[in-house]
Amino acid sequence: MRLTLSALGAVALVAAPLAGAARSPLALVKALATAGVTASQLPHGYRSPDVERYPITAGDKKHHAVGGVSISTNGGAGVVIYIVFSTPSAAQADFAHGNFGSATPKQAPNTVPKPNVEIDTSTSGTVGGRKVTFGITDIAFVHQNVLVQAATSSGTSTKHGDVAGAVGLAGFALAHLKSVS
C-alpha cells in the first residue's frame, strides 16, 4: 500500500478492487469505472463522489494487476481505491507486500473482510505556502481478486484520519464492489 499527498493536502491511497466471479478482471475494472456513484450511497458526511481510473504501479503489475479505479469524496479527504488483479492469489500476494512506512499496522474492525489492515499515521506538506500535517486512517483488505483501500484524512488530528469514516467507506467499498461484480 502506498500513501501520497494530493496538491490540496488531501490524502489519496492506492488500493486494489475486489473482483466478482461473474466478470473477467478487465470487465470488472470497466464496470467499476463506469458505474455511477451518488452521494446518497456514501457514508454520512461524505459527498461529491468522483470516479476515475487509477494508475497501477510497477509493483502492482509485478503481481498481475490489470487495472485500478478510485472514488474520491469531499475533494479528496476520503478515497476508495480498487486494484483488480488477475487472480485472488495475485491480490493476496500484493497485499502481503504492503509498504506501511513507519506506521504500525493493526487489525481492522470485524466488519471489514479478512485479510485486512488498519493504519493510523500522518503526512505533511505545504498548502498555500505553509506547512500542514494531516492525520490519515487507511483500511485495506482483499476480497476475491481485488485489493481495496478506504482512507480518510483529518485536518484536526495529526495522529489519524476520520476513523469512523474510513470504516464507513470500507463498508461502502465492499457493497459497491459486490453491486458491480
Protein backbone atom coordinates (compact mmCIF):
# COMPACT_ATOMS: atom_id res chain seq x y z
CA MET A 1 0.00 0.00 0.00
CA ARG A 2 1.17 3.47 -0.77
CA LEU A 3 0.11 6.84 0.61
CA THR A 4 0.50 10.10 -1.30
CA LEU A 5 -0.43 13.69 -0.53
CA SER A 6 -2.51 15.47 -3.17
CA ALA A 7 -1.87 19.06 -4.24
CA LEU A 8 -4.57 20.29 -1.87
CA GLY A 9 -3.11 18.30 1.00
CA ALA A 10 -5.83 15.68 0.94
CA VAL A 11 -4.86 12.08 1.06
CA ALA A 12 -5.12 9.67 -1.83
CA LEU A 13 -4.42 5.98 -1.31
CA VAL A 14 -3.78 3.14 -3.62
CA ALA A 15 -5.96 0.14 -3.21
CA ALA A 16 -6.96 -2.73 -5.24
CA PRO A 17 -10.52 -3.56 -6.28
CA LEU A 18 -12.46 -6.66 -5.48
CA ALA A 19 -13.47 -8.88 -8.35
CA GLY A 20 -16.58 -10.99 -8.66
CA ALA A 21 -16.67 -14.41 -10.25
CA ALA A 22 -19.23 -13.25 -12.81
CA ARG A 23 -16.90 -10.80 -14.60
CA SER A 24 -13.42 -11.08 -16.03
CA PRO A 25 -10.84 -8.85 -14.28
CA LEU A 26 -10.80 -6.35 -17.16
CA ALA A 27 -14.60 -6.28 -17.29
CA LEU A 28 -14.67 -5.61 -13.55
CA VAL A 29 -12.30 -2.64 -13.94
CA LYS A 30 -14.56 -1.25 -16.65
CA ALA A 31 -17.69 -1.81 -14.54
CA LEU A 32 -16.15 -0.07 -11.53
CA ALA A 33 -15.02 2.85 -13.70
CA THR A 34 -18.40 3.34 -15.38
CA ALA A 35 -20.83 2.55 -12.54
CA GLY A 36 -22.44 5.71 -11.27
CA VAL A 37 -21.91 6.59 -7.61
CA THR A 38 -24.21 9.08 -5.90
CA ALA A 39 -23.66 10.98 -2.67
CA SER A 40 -26.58 9.09 -1.11
CA GLN A 41 -24.62 5.83 -1.45
CA LEU A 42 -21.70 7.18 0.58
CA PRO A 43 -21.44 7.08 4.38
CA HIS A 44 -22.82 10.03 6.35
CA GLY A 45 -20.65 13.13 5.96
CA TYR A 46 -19.18 12.12 2.59
CA ARG A 47 -20.34 13.72 -0.65
CA SER A 48 -19.31 14.67 -4.17
CA PRO A 49 -18.04 11.29 -5.41
CA ASP A 50 -15.59 11.47 -8.29
CA VAL A 51 -14.92 8.15 -10.06
CA GLU A 52 -11.86 7.79 -12.27
CA ARG A 53 -9.33 5.26 -13.50
CA TYR A 54 -6.47 4.79 -11.06
CA PRO A 55 -2.98 4.20 -12.44
CA ILE A 56 -1.50 0.95 -11.17
CA THR A 57 2.13 0.86 -10.06
CA ALA A 58 5.01 -1.26 -11.30
CA GLY A 59 4.75 -3.27 -8.07
CA ASP A 60 1.06 -3.93 -8.71
CA LYS A 61 1.91 -5.03 -12.25
CA LYS A 62 4.50 -7.47 -10.87
CA HIS A 63 1.60 -9.12 -9.04
CA HIS A 64 -0.50 -9.18 -12.23
CA ALA A 65 -2.78 -6.20 -11.59
CA VAL A 66 -4.94 -5.43 -14.61
CA GLY A 67 -6.33 -2.02 -13.65
CA GLY A 68 -7.46 0.36 -10.94
CA VAL A 69 -10.32 2.70 -10.13
CA SER A 70 -10.61 5.38 -7.45
CA ILE A 71 -13.61 7.11 -5.93
CA SER A 72 -12.65 10.31 -4.15
CA THR A 73 -15.04 12.25 -1.93
CA ASN A 74 -15.06 15.64 -0.25
CA GLY A 75 -12.35 16.98 -2.55
CA GLY A 76 -10.01 14.10 -1.68
CA ALA A 77 -10.50 13.94 2.10
CA GLY A 78 -11.88 10.44 1.63
CA VAL A 79 -10.94 7.95 -1.06
CA VAL A 80 -11.66 4.37 -2.07
CA ILE A 81 -9.19 2.66 -4.37
CA TYR A 82 -9.76 -0.63 -6.12
CA ILE A 83 -6.91 -2.53 -7.73
CA VAL A 84 -8.08 -5.55 -9.69
CA PHE A 85 -5.73 -8.50 -10.14
CA SER A 86 -5.82 -11.45 -12.50
CA THR A 87 -6.45 -13.93 -9.65
CA PRO A 88 -7.24 -13.95 -5.91
CA SER A 89 -3.75 -15.30 -5.15
CA ALA A 90 -2.21 -12.37 -7.05
CA ALA A 91 -4.24 -9.91 -4.94
CA GLN A 92 -3.16 -11.73 -1.77
CA ALA A 93 0.49 -11.52 -2.86
CA ASP A 94 0.25 -7.77 -3.44
CA PHE A 95 -1.45 -7.28 -0.05
CA ALA A 96 1.28 -9.32 1.67
CA HIS A 97 3.92 -6.96 0.25
CA GLY A 98 2.26 -3.79 1.60
CA ASN A 99 4.58 -0.90 2.46
CA PHE A 100 3.45 0.73 5.69
CA GLY A 101 6.39 3.12 6.05
CA SER A 102 6.94 3.94 9.72
CA ALA A 103 3.29 3.26 10.65
CA THR A 104 2.33 0.30 12.83
CA PRO A 105 -0.41 -1.78 11.21
CA LYS A 106 -3.23 -3.25 13.26
CA GLN A 107 -6.26 -5.41 12.56
CA ALA A 108 -9.20 -3.51 11.04
CA PRO A 109 -12.64 -3.78 12.70
CA ASN A 110 -14.55 -7.09 12.39
CA THR A 111 -16.89 -5.58 9.79
CA VAL A 112 -14.02 -5.48 7.28
CA PRO A 113 -13.25 -8.68 5.30
CA LYS A 114 -10.01 -10.52 6.10
CA PRO A 115 -7.18 -10.27 5.37
CA ASN A 116 -7.19 -6.63 6.37
CA VAL A 117 -5.11 -3.95 7.99
CA GLU A 118 -5.74 -0.52 9.53
CA ILE A 119 -3.04 2.13 9.63
CA ASP A 120 -3.22 5.40 11.52
CA THR A 121 -0.45 7.80 10.53
CA SER A 122 0.19 11.32 9.30
CA THR A 123 1.75 13.16 6.41
CA SER A 124 2.97 16.73 5.97
CA GLY A 125 3.03 19.05 3.02
CA THR A 126 2.84 22.69 2.04
CA VAL A 127 -0.52 24.27 1.34
CA GLY A 128 -0.78 27.94 0.49
CA GLY A 129 2.85 28.45 1.46
CA ARG A 130 2.55 26.98 4.94
CA LYS A 131 3.41 23.55 6.29
CA VAL A 132 0.44 21.46 7.36
CA THR A 133 0.19 17.98 8.85
CA PHE A 134 -2.80 15.74 8.23
CA GLY A 135 -3.79 12.61 10.10
CA ILE A 136 -4.59 9.60 7.93
CA THR A 137 -6.57 6.43 8.55
CA ASP A 138 -6.20 3.76 5.89
CA ILE A 139 -8.12 0.49 5.90
CA ALA A 140 -7.09 -2.09 3.30
CA PHE A 141 -8.50 -5.53 2.60
CA VAL A 142 -8.65 -8.18 -0.08
CA HIS A 143 -11.90 -9.51 -1.48
CA GLN A 144 -11.54 -12.19 -4.12
CA ASN A 145 -9.14 -10.76 -6.74
CA VAL A 146 -9.41 -7.13 -5.65
CA LEU A 147 -7.35 -5.11 -3.19
CA VAL A 148 -9.44 -2.33 -1.67
CA GLN A 149 -8.30 0.68 0.30
CA ALA A 150 -10.55 3.14 2.08
CA ALA A 151 -8.74 6.13 3.50
CA THR A 152 -9.60 9.39 5.16
CA SER A 153 -7.66 12.43 6.25
CA SER A 154 -8.12 14.84 9.13
CA GLY A 155 -7.03 18.44 9.43
CA THR A 156 -7.67 18.41 13.18
CA SER A 157 -5.73 15.29 14.18
CA THR A 158 -2.12 14.63 13.29
CA LYS A 159 -2.32 11.05 14.57
CA HIS A 160 -5.19 9.61 12.47
CA GLY A 161 -7.83 10.42 9.90
CA ASP A 162 -11.58 10.06 10.32
CA VAL A 163 -11.51 6.52 11.75
CA ALA A 164 -15.30 6.01 11.71
CA GLY A 165 -15.39 7.49 8.21
CA ALA A 166 -12.72 5.04 6.99
CA VAL A 167 -14.74 2.13 8.39
CA GLY A 168 -17.86 3.50 6.68
CA LEU A 169 -16.02 3.97 3.38
CA ALA A 170 -14.67 0.40 3.62
CA GLY A 171 -18.26 -0.86 4.01
CA PHE A 172 -19.38 1.25 1.06
CA ALA A 173 -16.42 -0.01 -1.00
CA LEU A 174 -17.34 -3.65 -0.44
CA ALA A 175 -21.04 -3.09 -1.15
CA HIS A 176 -20.23 -1.13 -4.31
CA LEU A 177 -17.82 -3.80 -5.49
CA LYS A 178 -20.41 -6.52 -4.96
CA SER A 179 -23.03 -4.46 -6.80
CA VAL A 180 -20.94 -4.28 -9.99
CA SER A 181 -19.46 -7.80 -9.81
